Structures are given as C-alpha cells and as structure tokens.
Amino acid sequence: MTDDRLIVALDVPNALEALKLTDQIGDAVSFYKIGLGMLTGGGLALANELKQEHGKRIFLDMKLFDIGQTVENAVRGLAQFDLDFLTVHGDPHVVRAAKEGAAGKDLKILAVTILTSLDRADLDASMIQTGEVADLVVERAARAFEAGADGIIASPNEAARIRALPEAEGRLIVTPGVRPAGSADDDQKRIATPANAVAAGADHIVVGRPVWRSESPRDAALSIQRELASPQAQRPNRG
C-alpha cells in the first residue's frame, strides 16, 4: 500500500501537465497537493478527476484569507468537492469561519502559520511583530488549534515544538519545505529531509520540485517512499 504521508505538489502550469505527471508517477503516490497557481489552469476540475476517477487523496492549498463570512462561504462551496485537506491562514477568525463552512464534511482545515519561504527579514519587511520565527510559528499554531483547526502547516524546523503542544493532541502537522538529500533548496529557507521531518513530528510531508523536475518522477517518488519506510521515519500517520 502506498504511504500517503508523502504528498506531491502538482505545481505545474495546468491540469493537462498535471495529469501527465500523475500518469508517470502511477501508484507510487496516492496524495496530491493542488495549489493556488493551478486554480486558473483547471485546478478544481483536476482535483475532482483525481479524487473521483483515480482514487487519489487531494490537498487543496488555497491559503484562504478574508472576512469570516466570505471564508465560510468559500469553504462551504469547496467542501462539496469531497476533498481531504484545505489550507486557510492561521488567524483564529479565519480558522473558525472555515470550520463552520466545512461543518458536516470530512474536509480537514489546515492553518498556515508562517510560510516556509519566509525568514525574519521577510517578516520585518511585512511589519510582523518581533521575535524568533520559530516562536511565532509555535504561537500561531497553538492559537489555530484553539480556534478548531484540524491541523497546521509549518516547516520541519518547528514540527517537534508544535507536536509537544498540549493543543496538538490528535491534530495534524503537514510540512512543506521538505527536500531529499542532495536536492536544491529552491526558494525554501526552513527545510529538512523527509525522514527528519517525520521524526520531528510531521504526519505528512509535501514535496514538489524534487519529484516533478526529476528525469523520472516515479523513481523520485519511490525513493522518498523508501526513506519514509526507514526506521528513522517511523511515526504513526494520524489522518
């Protein structure tokens, strides 16, 4: 059985290229992320096709942020697609609204803490309060859990501290910024290998470019799956 702790990000230009990629990968991956960049390239139709016709799990990475009623309405509409994960920004009012929109559905609401492409200089430029990035991530995670989030998005560097939070009991930690050994960092600034991310507390890891840029995306995915099967990456999958 394919290990669904690996989520492959379909960060390609359109649905046709994404379908071609998933065909190449085949049964090596059972969980895919479709992000905002794919939205105008047939992303929702792709999500529905992969879910309904190919039996894949789908993580819709929209990072929704707006007034509460707008978020609630948007999530209610997206929840009709029978998807698995949806991201919203981790502000408590956004999380609460998203949970209202997802009521009665199996869709899990994941709260974004601080993007893994950002460091302290980026936060300063955005006038975000002072403090260590890791401390802010952990605090935002705790507040998102208190607001009802089913899980959070955070870098592997903060996963262990978040997993130790009392509020994290039974909740998901999903980590982007995961790079197999030898892969380029690209625009990620807080990264770890797949095994290290899981050992630190992640339930799922998100990997994009190291898979779809590979000469053989299937082989790249299988290599990550082997790493997840190693003793260094043995943690129970919570959802």
C-alpha atoms as a PDB file:
ATOM      1  CA  MET A   1       0.000   0.000   0.000  1.00  0.00           C
ATOM      2  CA  THR A   2       1.324   3.446  -0.934  1.00  0.00           C
ATOM      3  CA  ASP A   3       2.408   5.534   2.060  1.00  0.00           C
ATOM      4  CA  ASP A   4       0.172   8.603   1.991  1.00  0.00           C
ATOM      5  CA  ARG A   5       2.482  10.526   4.286  1.00  0.00           C
ATOM      6  CA  LEU A   6       4.050  11.706   1.023  1.00  0.00           C
ATOM      7  CA  ILE A   7       2.035  14.465  -0.653  1.00  0.00           C
ATOM      8  CA  VAL A   8       3.359  15.506  -4.056  1.00  0.00           C
ATOM      9  CA  ALA A   9       2.719  19.130  -5.027  1.00  0.00           C
ATOM     10  CA  LEU A  10       1.413  19.473  -8.571  1.00  0.00           C
ATOM     11  CA  ASP A  11       2.960  22.901  -9.076  1.00  0.00           C
ATOM     12  CA  VAL A  12       2.861  22.694 -12.870  1.00  0.00           C
ATOM     13  CA  PRO A  13       1.165  25.201 -15.225  1.00  0.00           C
ATOM     14  CA  ASN A  14      -2.118  23.433 -15.973  1.00  0.00           C
ATOM     15  CA  ALA A  15      -4.280  20.364 -15.429  1.00  0.00           C
ATOM     16  CA  LEU A  16      -3.140  18.593 -18.591  1.00  0.00           C
ATOM     17  CA  GLU A  17       0.507  18.666 -17.482  1.00  0.00           C
ATOM     18  CA  ALA A  18      -0.539  17.593 -14.011  1.00  0.00           C
ATOM     19  CA  LEU A  19      -2.447  14.592 -15.354  1.00  0.00           C
ATOM     20  CA  LYS A  20       0.543  13.636 -17.466  1.00  0.00           C
ATOM     21  CA  LEU A  21       2.723  13.819 -14.351  1.00  0.00           C
ATOM     22  CA  THR A  22       0.367  11.713 -12.261  1.00  0.00           C
ATOM     23  CA  ASP A  23       0.254   9.126 -15.048  1.00  0.00           C
ATOM     24  CA  GLN A  24       4.066   8.957 -14.975  1.00  0.00           C
ATOM     25  CA  ILE A  25       4.095   8.536 -11.202  1.00  0.00           C
ATOM     26  CA  GLY A  26       1.313   5.951 -11.206  1.00  0.00           C
ATOM     27  CA  ASP A  27       0.722   4.075  -7.959  1.00  0.00           C
ATOM     28  CA  ALA A  28       3.888   5.436  -6.324  1.00  0.00           C
ATOM     29  CA  VAL A  29       1.862   8.354  -4.899  1.00  0.00           C
ATOM     30  CA  SER A  30      -1.671   8.403  -3.512  1.00  0.00           C
ATOM     31  CA  PHE A  31      -1.887  12.004  -2.234  1.00  0.00           C
ATOM     32  CA  TYR A  32      -1.507  15.199  -4.280  1.00  0.00           C
ATOM     33  CA  LYS A  33      -1.482  18.916  -3.488  1.00  0.00           C
ATOM     34  CA  ILE A  34      -3.125  21.376  -5.862  1.00  0.00           C
ATOM     35  CA  GLY A  35      -2.219  24.981  -5.167  1.00  0.00           C
ATOM     36  CA  LEU A  36      -3.332  28.484  -5.987  1.00  0.00           C
ATOM     37  CA  GLY A  37      -1.134  28.650  -9.083  1.00  0.00           C
ATOM     38  CA  MET A  38      -3.173  25.856 -10.653  1.00  0.00           C
ATOM     39  CA  LEU A  39      -6.545  27.459  -9.935  1.00  0.00           C
ATOM     40  CA  THR A  40      -6.845  29.192 -13.315  1.00  0.00           C
ATOM     41  CA  GLY A  41      -5.366  26.163 -15.078  1.00  0.00           C
ATOM     42  CA  GLY A  42      -8.206  23.786 -14.253  1.00  0.00           C
ATOM     43  CA  GLY A  43      -7.248  23.063 -10.664  1.00  0.00           C
ATOM     44  CA  LEU A  44     -10.697  22.307  -9.276  1.00  0.00           C
ATOM     45  CA  ALA A  45     -11.606  20.066 -12.205  1.00  0.00           C
ATOM     46  CA  LEU A  46      -8.255  18.309 -11.774  1.00  0.00           C
ATOM     47  CA  ALA A  47      -8.899  17.814  -8.066  1.00  0.00           C
ATOM     48  CA  ASN A  48     -12.278  16.271  -8.774  1.00  0.00           C
ATOM     49  CA  GLU A  49     -10.915  13.981 -11.515  1.00  0.00           C
ATOM     50  CA  LEU A  50      -8.015  12.717  -9.427  1.00  0.00           C
ATOM     51  CA  LYS A  51     -10.322  12.108  -6.474  1.00  0.00           C
ATOM     52  CA  GLN A  52     -13.318  10.575  -8.192  1.00  0.00           C
ATOM     53  CA  GLU A  53     -11.757   8.759 -11.145  1.00  0.00           C
ATOM     54  CA  HIS A  54      -8.296   7.847  -9.851  1.00  0.00           C
ATOM     55  CA  GLY A  55      -8.958   7.380  -6.142  1.00  0.00           C
ATOM     56  CA  LYS A  56      -6.306   9.863  -5.021  1.00  0.00           C
ATOM     57  CA  ARG A  57      -6.411  11.939  -1.862  1.00  0.00           C
ATOM     58  CA  ILE A  58      -6.385  15.683  -2.519  1.00  0.00           C
ATOM     59  CA  PHE A  59      -4.913  18.593  -0.584  1.00  0.00           C
ATOM     60  CA  LEU A  60      -6.292  21.886  -1.906  1.00  0.00           C
ATOM     61  CA  ASP A  61      -3.759  24.549  -0.930  1.00  0.00           C
ATOM     62  CA  MET A  62      -5.691  27.815  -1.298  1.00  0.00           C
ATOM     63  CA  LYS A  63      -4.471  29.635   1.859  1.00  0.00           C
ATOM     64  CA  LEU A  64      -7.801  31.418   2.147  1.00  0.00           C
ATOM     65  CA  PHE A  65      -7.902  34.758   3.957  1.00  0.00           C
ATOM     66  CA  ASP A  66     -10.789  37.212   4.156  1.00  0.00           C
ATOM     67  CA  ILE A  67     -13.565  38.328   6.484  1.00  0.00           C
ATOM     68  CA  GLY A  68     -15.222  35.459   8.289  1.00  0.00           C
ATOM     69  CA  GLN A  69     -18.427  35.229   6.246  1.00  0.00           C
ATOM     70  CA  THR A  70     -16.535  35.198   2.966  1.00  0.00           C
ATOM     71  CA  VAL A  71     -14.212  32.443   4.166  1.00  0.00           C
ATOM     72  CA  GLU A  72     -17.138  30.412   5.459  1.00  0.00           C
ATOM     73  CA  ASN A  73     -18.961  30.696   2.132  1.00  0.00           C
ATOM     74  CA  ALA A  74     -15.854  29.793   0.125  1.00  0.00           C
ATOM     75  CA  VAL A  75     -15.116  26.738   2.245  1.00  0.00           C
ATOM     76  CA  ARG A  76     -18.733  25.582   2.077  1.00  0.00           C
ATOM     77  CA  GLY A  77     -18.503  25.651  -1.709  1.00  0.00           C
ATOM     78  CA  LEU A  78     -15.164  23.848  -1.823  1.00  0.00           C
ATOM     79  CA  ALA A  79     -16.335  21.220   0.664  1.00  0.00           C
ATOM     80  CA  GLN A  80     -18.822  19.959  -1.929  1.00  0.00           C
ATOM     81  CA  PHE A  81     -15.901  18.509  -3.917  1.00  0.00           C
ATOM     82  CA  ASP A  82     -15.271  15.789  -1.286  1.00  0.00           C
ATOM     83  CA  LEU A  83     -11.604  16.707  -0.916  1.00  0.00           C
ATOM     84  CA  ASP A  84      -9.324  15.846   2.005  1.00  0.00           C
ATOM     85  CA  PHE A  85      -7.312  18.899   3.135  1.00  0.00           C
ATOM     86  CA  LEU A  86      -7.808  22.651   2.643  1.00  0.00           C
ATOM     87  CA  THR A  87      -5.499  25.419   3.832  1.00  0.00           C
ATOM     88  CA  VAL A  88      -6.519  28.759   5.291  1.00  0.00           C
ATOM     89  CA  HIS A  89      -4.436  31.403   7.002  1.00  0.00           C
ATOM     90  CA  GLY A  90      -3.975  30.655  10.681  1.00  0.00           C
ATOM     91  CA  ASP A  91      -5.679  33.762  12.064  1.00  0.00           C
ATOM     92  CA  PRO A  92      -8.256  32.496  14.575  1.00  0.00           C
ATOM     93  CA  HIS A  93     -11.235  34.260  12.969  1.00  0.00           C
ATOM     94  CA  VAL A  94     -10.349  32.670   9.614  1.00  0.00           C
ATOM     95  CA  VAL A  95      -9.983  29.198  11.128  1.00  0.00           C
ATOM     96  CA  ARG A  96     -13.306  29.440  12.957  1.00  0.00           C
ATOM     97  CA  ALA A  97     -15.093  30.562   9.796  1.00  0.00           C
ATOM     98  CA  ALA A  98     -13.510  27.779   7.740  1.00  0.00           C
ATOM     99  CA  LYS A  99     -14.627  25.161  10.264  1.00  0.00           C
ATOM    100  CA  GLU A 100     -18.180  26.492  10.016  1.00  0.00           C
ATOM    101  CA  GLY A 101     -18.004  26.196   6.238  1.00  0.00           C
ATOM    102  CA  ALA A 102     -16.729  22.621   6.431  1.00  0.00           C
ATOM    103  CA  ALA A 103     -19.315  21.503   9.003  1.00  0.00           C
ATOM    104  CA  GLY A 104     -20.746  18.086   8.218  1.00  0.00           C
ATOM    105  CA  LYS A 105     -17.987  17.231   5.743  1.00  0.00           C
ATOM    106  CA  ASP A 106     -14.777  15.205   6.110  1.00  0.00           C
ATOM    107  CA  LEU A 107     -12.669  18.088   4.782  1.00  0.00           C
ATOM    108  CA  LYS A 108      -9.849  18.866   7.212  1.00  0.00           C
ATOM    109  CA  ILE A 109      -8.955  22.527   7.727  1.00  0.00           C
ATOM    110  CA  LEU A 110      -5.212  23.159   7.954  1.00  0.00           C
ATOM    111  CA  ALA A 111      -3.971  26.508   9.223  1.00  0.00           C
ATOM    112  CA  VAL A 112      -0.924  28.172   7.698  1.00  0.00           C
ATOM    113  CA  THR A 113       1.412  29.516  10.362  1.00  0.00           C
ATOM    114  CA  ILE A 114       4.287  31.295   8.564  1.00  0.00           C
ATOM    115  CA  LEU A 115       5.247  30.380   5.018  1.00  0.00           C
ATOM    116  CA  THR A 116       8.377  28.250   4.819  1.00  0.00           C
ATOM    117  CA  SER A 117       9.808  30.616   2.185  1.00  0.00           C
ATOM    118  CA  LEU A 118       9.951  33.459   4.773  1.00  0.00           C
ATOM    119  CA  ASP A 119      12.626  34.344   7.273  1.00  0.00           C
ATOM    120  CA  ARG A 120      12.938  37.101   9.893  1.00  0.00           C
ATOM    121  CA  ALA A 121      13.958  39.725   7.322  1.00  0.00           C
ATOM    122  CA  ASP A 122      10.817  38.983   5.317  1.00  0.00           C
ATOM    123  CA  LEU A 123       8.656  39.336   8.427  1.00  0.00           C
ATOM    124  CA  ASP A 124      10.342  42.641   9.276  1.00  0.00           C
ATOM    125  CA  ALA A 125       9.568  43.936   5.787  1.00  0.00           C
ATOM    126  CA  SER A 126       5.912  42.984   6.334  1.00  0.00           C
ATOM    127  CA  MET A 127       5.843  44.670   9.758  1.00  0.00           C
ATOM    128  CA  ILE A 128       5.144  41.382  11.569  1.00  0.00           C
ATOM    129  CA  GLN A 129       5.860  41.541  15.303  1.00  0.00           C
ATOM    130  CA  THR A 130       9.392  40.982  16.505  1.00  0.00           C
ATOM    131  CA  GLY A 131      10.620  37.639  17.764  1.00  0.00           C
ATOM    132  CA  GLU A 132      12.184  34.446  16.521  1.00  0.00           C
ATOM    133  CA  VAL A 133      10.378  32.904  13.562  1.00  0.00           C
ATOM    134  CA  ALA A 134      10.092  29.542  15.309  1.00  0.00           C
ATOM    135  CA  ASP A 135       8.494  31.128  18.380  1.00  0.00           C
ATOM    136  CA  LEU A 136       5.925  32.943  16.248  1.00  0.00           C
ATOM    137  CA  VAL A 137       5.119  29.758  14.324  1.00  0.00           C
ATOM    138  CA  VAL A 138       4.525  27.789  17.527  1.00  0.00           C
ATOM    139  CA  GLU A 139       2.319  30.531  18.980  1.00  0.00           C
ATOM    140  CA  ARG A 140       0.280  30.804  15.785  1.00  0.00           C
ATOM    141  CA  ALA A 141      -0.108  27.021  15.715  1.00  0.00           C
ATOM    142  CA  ALA A 142      -1.416  26.971  19.299  1.00  0.00           C
ATOM    143  CA  ARG A 143      -3.941  29.714  18.542  1.00  0.00           C
ATOM    144  CA  ALA A 144      -5.085  27.969  15.368  1.00  0.00           C
ATOM    145  CA  PHE A 145      -5.623  24.715  17.276  1.00  0.00           C
ATOM    146  CA  GLU A 146      -7.617  26.601  19.917  1.00  0.00           C
ATOM    147  CA  ALA A 147      -9.779  28.021  17.115  1.00  0.00           C
ATOM    148  CA  GLY A 148     -10.549  24.499  15.907  1.00  0.00           C
ATOM    149  CA  ALA A 149      -8.010  23.776  13.157  1.00  0.00           C
ATOM    150  CA  ASP A 150      -7.690  20.088  12.294  1.00  0.00           C
ATOM    151  CA  GLY A 151      -4.002  20.625  11.646  1.00  0.00           C
ATOM    152  CA  ILE A 152      -1.377  23.162  10.761  1.00  0.00           C
ATOM    153  CA  ILE A 153       1.200  23.845   8.071  1.00  0.00           C
ATOM    154  CA  ALA A 154       4.688  24.506   9.411  1.00  0.00           C
ATOM    155  CA  SER A 155       8.273  23.895   8.437  1.00  0.00           C
ATOM    156  CA  PRO A 156      10.098  20.786   9.670  1.00  0.00           C
ATOM    157  CA  ASN A 157      12.168  23.042  11.926  1.00  0.00           C
ATOM    158  CA  GLU A 158       9.145  23.813  14.119  1.00  0.00           C
ATOM    159  CA  ALA A 159       7.374  20.444  13.933  1.00  0.00           C
ATOM    160  CA  ALA A 160       8.803  18.988  17.149  1.00  0.00           C
ATOM    161  CA  ARG A 161       7.861  22.016  19.245  1.00  0.00           C
ATOM    162  CA  ILE A 162       4.356  22.069  17.782  1.00  0.00           C
ATOM    163  CA  ARG A 163       3.916  18.333  18.329  1.00  0.00           C
ATOM    164  CA  ALA A 164       4.764  18.911  22.015  1.00  0.00           C
ATOM    165  CA  LEU A 165       1.917  21.417  22.458  1.00  0.00           C
ATOM    166  CA  PRO A 166      -0.997  20.090  24.534  1.00  0.00           C
ATOM    167  CA  GLU A 167      -3.311  21.572  21.883  1.00  0.00           C
ATOM    168  CA  ALA A 168      -1.660  19.408  19.198  1.00  0.00           C
ATOM    169  CA  GLU A 169      -3.022  16.160  20.591  1.00  0.00           C
ATOM    170  CA  GLY A 170      -4.871  14.388  17.780  1.00  0.00           C
ATOM    171  CA  ARG A 171      -4.133  17.169  15.274  1.00  0.00           C
ATOM    172  CA  LEU A 172      -2.181  17.017  12.025  1.00  0.00           C
ATOM    173  CA  ILE A 173       1.168  18.599  11.200  1.00  0.00           C
ATOM    174  CA  VAL A 174       1.885  18.923   7.485  1.00  0.00           C
ATOM    175  CA  THR A 175       5.332  20.102   6.458  1.00  0.00           C
ATOM    176  CA  PRO A 176       6.329  21.711   3.178  1.00  0.00           C
ATOM    177  CA  GLY A 177       9.945  22.708   2.753  1.00  0.00           C
ATOM    178  CA  VAL A 178      10.962  19.040   2.568  1.00  0.00           C
ATOM    179  CA  ARG A 179      13.923  18.244   0.372  1.00  0.00           C
ATOM    180  CA  PRO A 180      15.507  14.806  -0.150  1.00  0.00           C
ATOM    181  CA  ALA A 181      19.260  14.795   0.443  1.00  0.00           C
ATOM    182  CA  GLY A 182      21.069  16.358  -2.495  1.00  0.00           C
ATOM    183  CA  SER A 183      18.079  18.367  -3.748  1.00  0.00           C
ATOM    184  CA  ALA A 184      18.246  22.108  -4.361  1.00  0.00           C
ATOM    185  CA  ASP A 185      16.692  24.334  -1.671  1.00  0.00           C
ATOM    186  CA  ASP A 186      14.946  26.466  -4.364  1.00  0.00           C
ATOM    187  CA  ASP A 187      13.026  29.251  -2.559  1.00  0.00           C
ATOM    188  CA  GLN A 188      12.618  27.340   0.705  1.00  0.00           C
ATOM    189  CA  LYS A 189      14.509  28.674   3.727  1.00  0.00           C
ATOM    190  CA  ARG A 190      13.459  26.277   6.528  1.00  0.00           C
ATOM    191  CA  ILE A 191      13.908  22.747   5.221  1.00  0.00           C
ATOM    192  CA  ALA A 192      14.620  19.118   6.243  1.00  0.00           C
ATOM    193  CA  THR A 193      14.829  15.666   4.686  1.00  0.00           C
ATOM    194  CA  PRO A 194      11.676  13.507   4.600  1.00  0.00           C
ATOM    195  CA  ALA A 195      12.815  11.194   7.397  1.00  0.00           C
ATOM    196  CA  ASN A 196      13.886  14.083   9.619  1.00  0.00           C
ATOM    197  CA  ALA A 197      10.580  15.896   9.086  1.00  0.00           C
ATOM    198  CA  VAL A 198       8.561  12.830  10.098  1.00  0.00           C
ATOM    199  CA  ALA A 199      10.825  12.089  13.043  1.00  0.00           C
ATOM    200  CA  ALA A 200      10.295  15.681  14.215  1.00  0.00           C
ATOM    201  CA  GLY A 201       6.537  15.222  14.332  1.00  0.00           C
ATOM    202  CA  ALA A 202       5.118  15.646  10.821  1.00  0.00           C
ATOM    203  CA  ASP A 203       2.177  13.465   9.794  1.00  0.00           C
ATOM    204  CA  HIS A 204       2.544  14.357   6.117  1.00  0.00           C
ATOM    205  CA  ILE A 205       5.342  15.892   4.067  1.00  0.00           C
ATOM    206  CA  VAL A 206       4.889  17.931   0.890  1.00  0.00           C
ATOM    207  CA  VAL A 207       7.443  17.554  -1.905  1.00  0.00           C
ATOM    208  CA  GLY A 208       7.150  19.252  -5.277  1.00  0.00           C
ATOM    209  CA  ARG A 209      10.077  20.198  -7.464  1.00  0.00           C
ATOM    210  CA  PRO A 210      12.400  17.322  -6.424  1.00  0.00           C
ATOM    211  CA  VAL A 211       9.741  14.996  -7.860  1.00  0.00           C
ATOM    212  CA  TRP A 212       8.367  16.743 -10.930  1.00  0.00           C
ATOM    213  CA  ARG A 213      11.718  18.171 -12.041  1.00  0.00           C
ATOM    214  CA  SER A 214      13.294  14.731 -11.904  1.00  0.00           C
ATOM    215  CA  GLU A 215      14.099  12.819 -15.091  1.00  0.00           C
ATOM    216  CA  SER A 216      11.914  10.071 -13.637  1.00  0.00           C
ATOM    217  CA  PRO A 217       9.228  11.482 -11.307  1.00  0.00           C
ATOM    218  CA  ARG A 218       8.129   7.951 -10.425  1.00  0.00           C
ATOM    219  CA  ASP A 219      11.629   6.943  -9.340  1.00  0.00           C
ATOM    220  CA  ALA A 220      11.980  10.159  -7.343  1.00  0.00           C
ATOM    221  CA  ALA A 221       8.709   9.455  -5.544  1.00  0.00           C
ATOM    222  CA  LEU A 222       9.676   5.837  -4.874  1.00  0.00           C
ATOM    223  CA  SER A 223      12.987   6.988  -3.414  1.00  0.00           C
ATOM    224  CA  ILE A 224      11.121   9.204  -0.945  1.00  0.00           C
ATOM    225  CA  GLN A 225       8.756   6.354  -0.130  1.00  0.00           C
ATOM    226  CA  ARG A 226      11.747   4.154   0.697  1.00  0.00           C
ATOM    227  CA  GLU A 227      13.069   6.842   3.023  1.00  0.00           C
ATOM    228  CA  LEU A 228       9.672   7.042   4.728  1.00  0.00           C
ATOM    229  CA  ALA A 229       9.806   3.277   5.243  1.00  0.00           C
ATOM    230  CA  SER A 230      13.165   3.532   7.024  1.00  0.00           C
ATOM    231  CA  PRO A 231      13.452   3.223  10.820  1.00  0.00           C
ATOM    232  CA  GLN A 232      14.294   6.940  11.018  1.00  0.00           C
ATOM    233  CA  ALA A 233      10.792   7.853   9.777  1.00  0.00           C
ATOM    234  CA  GLN A 234       8.555   5.605  11.830  1.00  0.00           C
ATOM    235  CA  ARG A 235       5.761   7.634  13.357  1.00  0.00           C
ATOM    236  CA  PRO A 236       2.048   6.815  13.188  1.00  0.00           C
ATOM    237  CA  ASN A 237       0.093   8.537  10.441  1.00  0.00           C
ATOM    238  CA  ARG A 238      -2.757  10.391  12.175  1.00  0.00           C
ATOM    239  CA  GLY A 239      -5.017  11.172   9.256  1.00  0.00           C
END
